[in-house]
Protein backbone atom coordinates (compact mmCIF):
# COMPACT_ATOMS: atom_id res chain seq x y z
CA UNK A 1 26.56 57.03 102.31
CA UNK A 2 27.55 56.43 98.53
CA UNK A 3 28.50 52.86 97.38
CA UNK A 4 31.66 53.87 96.20
CA UNK A 5 32.51 55.61 99.34
CA UNK A 6 31.23 52.46 101.22
CA UNK A 7 33.44 50.29 99.14
CA UNK A 8 36.34 52.47 99.83
CA UNK A 9 36.03 52.12 103.62
CA UNK A 10 35.91 48.59 103.22
CA UNK A 11 38.71 48.41 101.22
CA UNK A 12 40.77 50.82 103.38
CA UNK A 13 40.12 48.59 106.42
CA UNK A 14 40.90 45.16 104.79
CA UNK A 15 44.12 46.73 103.27
CA UNK A 16 45.07 47.69 106.89
CA UNK A 17 43.97 44.45 108.49
CA UNK A 18 45.33 42.06 106.24
CA UNK A 19 47.42 43.12 103.54
CA UNK A 20 50.97 44.75 103.60
CA UNK A 21 53.20 46.42 105.94
CA UNK A 22 52.57 49.70 104.46
CA UNK A 23 49.45 51.30 106.34
CA UNK A 24 46.83 53.15 104.32
CA UNK A 25 45.38 56.53 105.81
CA UNK A 26 41.54 57.02 105.84
CA UNK A 27 41.06 60.22 106.33
CA UNK A 28 43.11 63.48 105.35
CA UNK A 29 42.86 66.89 106.45
CA UNK A 30 44.32 69.87 104.48
CA UNK A 31 44.51 73.02 105.75
CA UNK A 32 43.08 75.00 102.85
CA UNK A 33 44.22 78.26 104.34
CA UNK A 34 45.76 79.34 107.25
CA UNK A 35 44.04 82.72 107.13
CA UNK A 36 40.69 83.43 109.61
CA UNK A 37 38.15 86.26 109.99
CA UNK A 38 37.65 84.99 113.65
CA UNK A 39 39.96 85.76 116.58
CA UNK A 40 39.50 82.73 118.76
CA UNK A 41 41.07 83.16 122.27
CA UNK A 42 41.89 79.25 121.87
CA UNK A 43 43.50 79.33 118.55
CA UNK A 44 46.29 81.66 117.21
CA UNK A 45 45.98 80.78 113.73
CA UNK A 46 43.89 83.84 112.91
CA UNK A 47 47.30 85.80 113.52
CA UNK A 48 48.92 83.95 110.53
CA UNK A 49 49.48 86.03 106.90
CA UNK A 50 48.96 84.17 103.84
CA UNK A 51 52.44 82.81 102.70
CA UNK A 52 53.17 80.32 99.81
CA UNK A 53 49.71 78.72 99.95
CA UNK A 54 49.31 75.93 97.07
CA UNK A 55 46.96 76.83 94.05
CA UNK A 56 44.21 75.24 92.69
CA UNK A 57 46.05 72.89 90.22
CA UNK A 58 48.54 72.03 93.16
CA UNK A 59 45.81 70.92 95.49
CA UNK A 60 44.37 68.85 92.65
CA UNK A 61 47.37 67.11 92.26
CA UNK A 62 47.57 66.26 95.86
CA UNK A 63 43.82 65.29 95.80
CA UNK A 64 44.67 62.72 93.19
CA UNK A 65 47.69 61.15 95.30
CA UNK A 66 45.39 60.98 98.02
CA UNK A 67 42.86 58.94 95.96
CA UNK A 68 45.58 56.62 94.69
CA UNK A 69 46.95 55.94 98.38
CA UNK A 70 43.18 54.93 99.62
CA UNK A 71 42.21 57.97 101.64
CA UNK A 72 38.55 57.87 102.13
CA UNK A 73 37.38 61.26 103.66
CA UNK A 74 38.84 64.52 102.97
CA UNK A 75 38.28 67.35 105.45
CA UNK A 76 38.79 71.10 104.31
CA UNK A 77 40.07 72.91 107.18
CA UNK A 78 41.65 76.18 108.21
CA UNK A 79 41.91 78.91 109.05
CA UNK A 80 38.65 79.75 107.60
CA UNK A 81 38.12 77.59 104.52
CA UNK A 82 35.87 79.99 102.60
CA UNK A 83 38.07 82.48 102.37
CA UNK A 84 39.35 80.58 99.71
CA UNK A 85 37.90 81.59 96.53
CA UNK A 86 38.57 77.92 94.80
CA UNK A 87 36.81 75.98 97.93
CA UNK A 88 33.72 75.12 95.94
CA UNK A 89 35.80 74.08 93.09
CA UNK A 90 38.07 71.97 95.02
CA UNK A 91 35.41 70.34 97.23
CA UNK A 92 33.71 69.25 93.99
CA UNK A 93 36.44 67.88 91.98
CA UNK A 94 37.62 65.83 95.56
CA UNK A 95 33.91 64.51 95.41
CA UNK A 96 34.06 63.69 91.78
CA UNK A 97 36.86 61.47 92.65
CA UNK A 98 34.97 59.43 95.07
CA UNK A 99 36.26 61.14 98.20
CA UNK A 100 33.74 61.70 101.26
CA UNK A 101 34.24 65.74 101.46
CA UNK A 102 34.01 67.63 104.65
CA UNK A 103 34.29 71.50 105.64
CA UNK A 104 34.06 73.26 109.08
CA UNK A 105 33.34 76.62 108.72
CA UNK A 106 32.26 79.72 111.18
CA UNK A 107 29.63 80.35 108.41
CA UNK A 108 30.46 84.30 108.27
CA UNK A 109 30.79 83.96 104.41
CA UNK A 110 27.64 82.04 103.51
CA UNK A 111 25.55 83.52 100.96
CA UNK A 112 22.02 81.96 100.24
CA UNK A 113 22.88 81.89 96.53
CA UNK A 114 25.73 79.10 97.11
CA UNK A 115 23.17 76.78 98.67
CA UNK A 116 23.25 74.36 95.39
CA UNK A 117 27.24 74.72 95.60
CA UNK A 118 27.05 73.40 99.05
CA UNK A 119 24.92 70.52 98.10
CA UNK A 120 26.98 69.66 95.19
CA UNK A 121 30.34 69.79 96.83
CA UNK A 122 30.19 68.60 100.29
CA UNK A 123 28.73 65.64 102.17
CA UNK A 124 29.52 67.02 105.59
CA UNK A 125 29.23 70.53 106.47
CA UNK A 126 30.31 71.43 109.80
CA UNK A 127 29.45 75.08 111.53
CA UNK A 128 31.22 76.13 114.64
CA UNK A 129 28.78 77.37 117.28
CA UNK A 130 29.90 77.16 120.73
CA UNK A 131 27.12 79.48 122.57
CA UNK A 132 23.63 80.42 122.50
CA UNK A 133 24.57 83.77 123.75
CA UNK A 134 26.19 86.27 121.63
CA UNK A 135 28.54 87.97 124.85
CA UNK A 136 29.76 84.50 125.40
CA UNK A 137 30.28 83.66 121.51
CA UNK A 138 32.29 86.70 120.92
CA UNK A 139 34.17 86.09 124.55
CA UNK A 140 35.10 82.77 122.66
CA UNK A 141 35.63 83.67 119.30
CA UNK A 142 36.66 86.82 119.37
CA UNK A 143 33.77 88.37 116.77
CA UNK A 144 30.39 87.88 117.05
CA UNK A 145 28.75 85.68 114.22
CA UNK A 146 26.25 84.21 116.44
CA UNK A 147 23.22 86.32 115.40
CA UNK A 148 24.18 85.98 111.60
CA UNK A 149 24.43 82.19 112.26
CA UNK A 150 21.07 82.03 113.41
CA UNK A 151 19.62 84.02 110.56
CA UNK A 152 21.49 82.11 107.88
CA UNK A 153 21.17 78.32 109.11
CA UNK A 154 17.50 77.75 108.85
CA UNK A 155 17.84 79.40 105.13
CA UNK A 156 20.62 76.70 104.35
CA UNK A 157 18.29 73.66 105.91
CA UNK A 158 15.54 75.14 103.98
CA UNK A 159 17.31 75.40 100.81
CA UNK A 160 18.69 71.99 101.34
CA UNK A 161 15.57 70.26 101.73
CA UNK A 162 13.99 71.94 98.79
CA UNK A 163 16.88 70.07 96.79
CA UNK A 164 16.68 66.89 98.66
CA UNK A 165 20.45 67.07 99.33
CA UNK A 166 22.20 64.63 101.19
CA UNK A 167 24.99 66.66 102.82
CA UNK A 168 24.76 66.74 106.69
CA UNK A 169 24.65 69.78 108.30
CA UNK A 170 26.54 69.57 111.78
CA UNK A 171 27.14 71.94 114.72
CA UNK A 172 30.36 71.85 115.83
CA UNK A 173 31.06 72.83 119.77
CA UNK A 174 34.11 73.23 121.51
CA UNK A 175 33.89 72.80 125.05
CA UNK A 176 35.30 75.57 127.28
CA UNK A 177 34.95 76.95 130.90
CA UNK A 178 32.76 79.74 129.36
CA UNK A 179 30.11 77.24 127.95
CA UNK A 180 30.16 74.26 129.96
CA UNK A 181 27.00 75.24 131.64
CA UNK A 182 24.97 75.60 128.75
CA UNK A 183 25.58 72.35 126.93
CA UNK A 184 21.60 71.50 127.53
CA UNK A 185 20.55 74.94 125.71
CA UNK A 186 23.28 74.69 123.13
CA UNK A 187 21.99 71.08 121.75
CA UNK A 188 17.91 72.54 121.76
CA UNK A 189 19.30 75.53 119.75
CA UNK A 190 21.26 73.42 117.33
CA UNK A 191 18.45 70.96 117.07
CA UNK A 192 14.94 72.56 117.71
CA UNK A 193 15.51 76.12 116.75
CA UNK A 194 17.90 75.93 113.86
CA UNK A 195 16.85 72.63 112.44
CA UNK A 196 20.51 71.02 112.17
CA UNK A 197 21.12 67.54 111.22
CA UNK A 198 23.79 66.69 113.96
CA UNK A 199 26.07 67.85 116.36
CA UNK A 200 29.62 67.22 117.43
CA UNK A 201 31.34 67.98 120.67
CA UNK A 202 35.18 68.51 121.23
CA UNK A 203 36.95 69.11 124.33
CA UNK A 204 39.42 72.59 123.97
CA UNK A 205 42.73 71.78 123.30
CA UNK A 206 44.59 73.81 126.02
CA UNK A 207 48.06 73.86 123.67
CA UNK A 208 46.00 75.22 120.70
CA UNK A 209 47.17 78.66 121.35
CA UNK A 210 48.68 81.17 123.76
CA UNK A 211 45.45 81.74 125.65
CA UNK A 212 43.86 78.50 125.32
CA UNK A 213 44.62 77.31 129.13
CA UNK A 214 42.64 80.34 129.93
CA UNK A 215 39.50 78.70 128.85
CA UNK A 216 40.06 75.23 129.75
CA UNK A 217 37.08 73.65 131.63
CA UNK A 218 37.53 72.21 135.32
CA UNK A 219 36.86 68.22 135.70
CA UNK A 220 33.75 69.28 137.28
CA UNK A 221 32.69 71.33 134.51
CA UNK A 222 33.57 68.12 131.97
CA UNK A 223 31.87 65.56 133.96
CA UNK A 224 28.50 67.95 134.11
CA UNK A 225 29.03 68.54 130.05
CA UNK A 226 29.31 64.54 129.84
CA UNK A 227 26.02 64.13 131.55
CA UNK A 228 24.01 66.25 129.83
CA UNK A 229 25.05 65.03 126.37
CA UNK A 230 25.02 61.63 127.31
CA UNK A 231 21.27 62.32 128.47
CA UNK A 232 20.34 63.59 125.24
CA UNK A 233 22.09 61.08 122.90
CA UNK A 234 18.89 58.76 122.54
CA UNK A 235 16.71 61.92 121.61
CA UNK A 236 19.36 63.49 119.02
CA UNK A 237 21.74 62.05 116.42
CA UNK A 238 24.72 63.20 118.31
CA UNK A 239 27.98 62.39 116.41
CA UNK A 240 29.83 61.32 118.77
CA UNK A 241 30.07 57.75 120.18
CA UNK A 242 28.89 56.85 123.57
CA UNK A 243 32.49 55.68 124.15
CA UNK A 244 33.78 58.89 123.33
CA UNK A 245 31.18 60.68 125.59
CA UNK A 246 32.03 58.40 128.36
CA UNK A 247 35.86 59.25 128.07
CA UNK A 248 35.74 62.74 127.62
CA UNK A 249 38.69 64.14 129.58
CA UNK A 250 40.26 60.89 130.04
CA UNK A 251 40.90 59.33 126.68
CA UNK A 252 41.97 55.49 126.40
CA UNK A 253 43.17 54.93 122.67
CA UNK A 254 46.09 53.63 120.66
CA UNK A 255 46.65 56.97 118.41
CA UNK A 256 47.87 54.84 115.40
CA UNK A 257 48.59 58.59 113.71
CA UNK A 258 48.88 56.96 110.05
CA UNK A 259 45.07 56.80 110.18
CA UNK A 260 44.68 60.53 109.96
CA UNK A 261 47.05 62.43 107.43
CA UNK A 262 47.55 66.11 108.08
CA UNK A 263 48.81 68.53 105.23
CA UNK A 264 48.83 72.38 105.88
CA UNK A 265 48.18 75.16 103.43
CA UNK A 266 51.72 75.08 101.97
CA UNK A 267 51.63 71.57 100.92
CA UNK A 268 53.84 70.06 103.84
CA UNK A 269 52.43 66.58 105.21
CA UNK A 270 53.34 66.98 109.01
CA UNK A 271 54.31 63.45 110.04
CA UNK A 272 53.21 61.89 112.53
CA UNK A 273 50.30 64.46 113.21
CA UNK A 274 49.16 67.96 113.14
CA UNK A 275 50.96 68.65 116.45
CA UNK A 276 54.34 67.64 115.69
CA UNK A 277 55.55 70.92 114.09
CA UNK A 278 54.81 73.05 117.19
CA UNK A 279 55.73 70.34 119.96
CA UNK A 280 59.31 68.99 118.99
CA UNK A 281 59.87 68.44 122.66
CA UNK A 282 57.43 65.66 122.29
CA UNK A 283 57.99 64.61 118.77
CA UNK A 284 61.69 64.91 118.31
CA UNK A 285 61.54 62.82 115.03
CA UNK A 286 58.74 64.84 113.69
CA UNK A 287 58.93 65.33 110.07
CA UNK A 288 58.04 68.06 107.55
CA UNK A 289 57.74 67.16 103.92
CA UNK A 290 56.99 69.14 100.66
CA UNK A 291 54.12 67.50 98.82
CA UNK A 292 55.36 69.92 95.87
CA UNK A 293 58.68 68.40 95.35
CA UNK A 294 57.97 64.80 96.55
CA UNK A 295 55.36 62.40 95.56
CA UNK A 296 53.14 61.69 98.09
CA UNK A 297 52.97 57.84 97.85
CA UNK A 298 56.75 57.81 98.25
CA UNK A 299 56.98 59.77 101.18
CA UNK A 300 54.19 57.73 102.95
CA UNK A 301 56.17 54.59 102.74
CA UNK A 302 59.11 56.11 103.79
CA UNK A 303 57.59 57.82 106.73
CA UNK A 304 55.95 54.43 107.91
CA UNK A 305 58.79 54.36 110.74
CA UNK A 306 57.66 57.38 112.28
CA UNK A 307 54.00 56.73 112.31
CA UNK A 308 55.09 53.70 113.99
CA UNK A 309 57.21 54.90 116.68
CA UNK A 310 54.02 57.39 117.90
CA UNK A 311 51.43 54.75 117.57
CA UNK A 312 50.85 54.87 120.98
CA UNK A 313 50.55 58.48 121.75
CA UNK A 314 47.15 59.70 123.10
CA UNK A 315 48.15 63.32 124.47
CA UNK A 316 45.55 65.26 122.26
CA UNK A 317 41.42 65.20 122.90
CA UNK A 318 40.33 65.51 119.33
CA UNK A 319 37.66 63.49 118.72
CA UNK A 320 38.55 63.06 115.33
CA UNK A 321 41.88 61.06 116.06
CA UNK A 322 40.32 59.40 118.99
CA UNK A 323 37.38 57.80 117.34
CA UNK A 324 39.24 57.07 114.12
CA UNK A 325 41.98 55.29 116.56
CA UNK A 326 38.99 53.00 117.92
CA UNK A 327 37.71 52.23 114.33
CA UNK A 328 41.02 51.05 113.05
CA UNK A 329 40.80 47.63 114.54
CA UNK A 330 37.45 47.58 116.59
CA UNK A 331 35.13 46.07 114.30
CA UNK A 332 32.32 46.34 116.78
CA UNK A 333 32.73 49.80 117.57
CA UNK A 334 32.80 50.66 114.09
CA UNK A 335 29.50 48.66 113.34
CA UNK A 336 27.63 49.67 116.87
CA UNK A 337 29.08 52.83 118.26
CA UNK A 338 29.70 54.72 115.08
CA UNK A 339 27.67 53.10 112.01
CA UNK A 340 24.25 52.20 114.22
CA UNK A 341 24.91 54.79 116.92
CA UNK A 342 25.68 57.68 115.05
CA UNK A 343 25.48 57.86 111.08
CA UNK A 344 22.24 56.05 111.03
CA UNK A 345 20.23 58.31 113.32
CA UNK A 346 21.76 61.18 111.55
CA UNK A 347 20.89 59.74 108.09
CA UNK A 348 17.21 59.34 109.52
CA UNK A 349 16.89 62.91 110.49
CA UNK A 350 18.53 64.31 106.76
CA UNK A 351 15.72 62.08 105.25
CA UNK A 352 13.01 63.34 107.15
CA UNK A 353 14.67 67.02 106.63
CA UNK A 354 14.13 66.17 102.80
CA UNK A 355 10.55 65.02 103.55
CA UNK A 356 9.49 67.76 104.99
CA UNK A 357 8.81 65.76 108.18
CA UNK A 358 10.51 68.20 110.85
């Protein structure tokens, strides 16, 4: 981790623990585009048509405001982020401003000539990969990118090793009732066959799309997955904390939604979270604010009451939310579960990759 990033984390943490009543978000998630070339059964975003997406300069202005507000990491999400032709430009700009940059992609638009740009633009590069079997992958994702992923990931890993790049390549696995019995095989494919640096597991969100509930795993399937993943935790750098793995399916946490800022493709800040716009029954005081018309720092101060009102919400199963919530005040979790348990093992594997030792 860069010194500047470490200092930003420390400053953010101290600001939220010691100084002032206005909380500073640590993580920002921007839906760089709502377009997607997958057709995942548990997500309806691929049905979207492009509408009023921000241009490059508008996103750069928001990135500047995120930095001023004290955000530390910025995730470019979608849809499929690489449908945006300016993604590398925006990620490089964010990184030059001191942000830790992350992206999650289905890798369908990967080009070997872009490996250098990936190394320069991103600190974390997540690849959605839910199965070892093409027919299962297609049943979940709607299209079959799996064989292409199997061909392209080794090219990516070899190219990054030659560049001695520090970017962390992560397999992103969503647990469903279609792939719950192959977590052992998925782990070995990601690490042994494809040579990736780490893996991150998330439980399917049953409210993610109209057909999402059809893929919801049973309690027994969830417990089986927990056991398999936990058994491999000491052998591979799995990015999920031991606390997360022990609580999959039954999380106990205080959300603190201000920790994670959510901005959609039109530059709308969704307060208190990503789900508030689609669930007015649960978030009757949810708010949408156009950041093209309002300054982010002003909006953030004005929305503090909303974030405080939903501070005890724990309805979603998203690991990024759960683990960031635990890190808000639990220094033991930050040092042991997060830093020693996940970050250091992954850094070690990246260093081994770049040294040609695996």
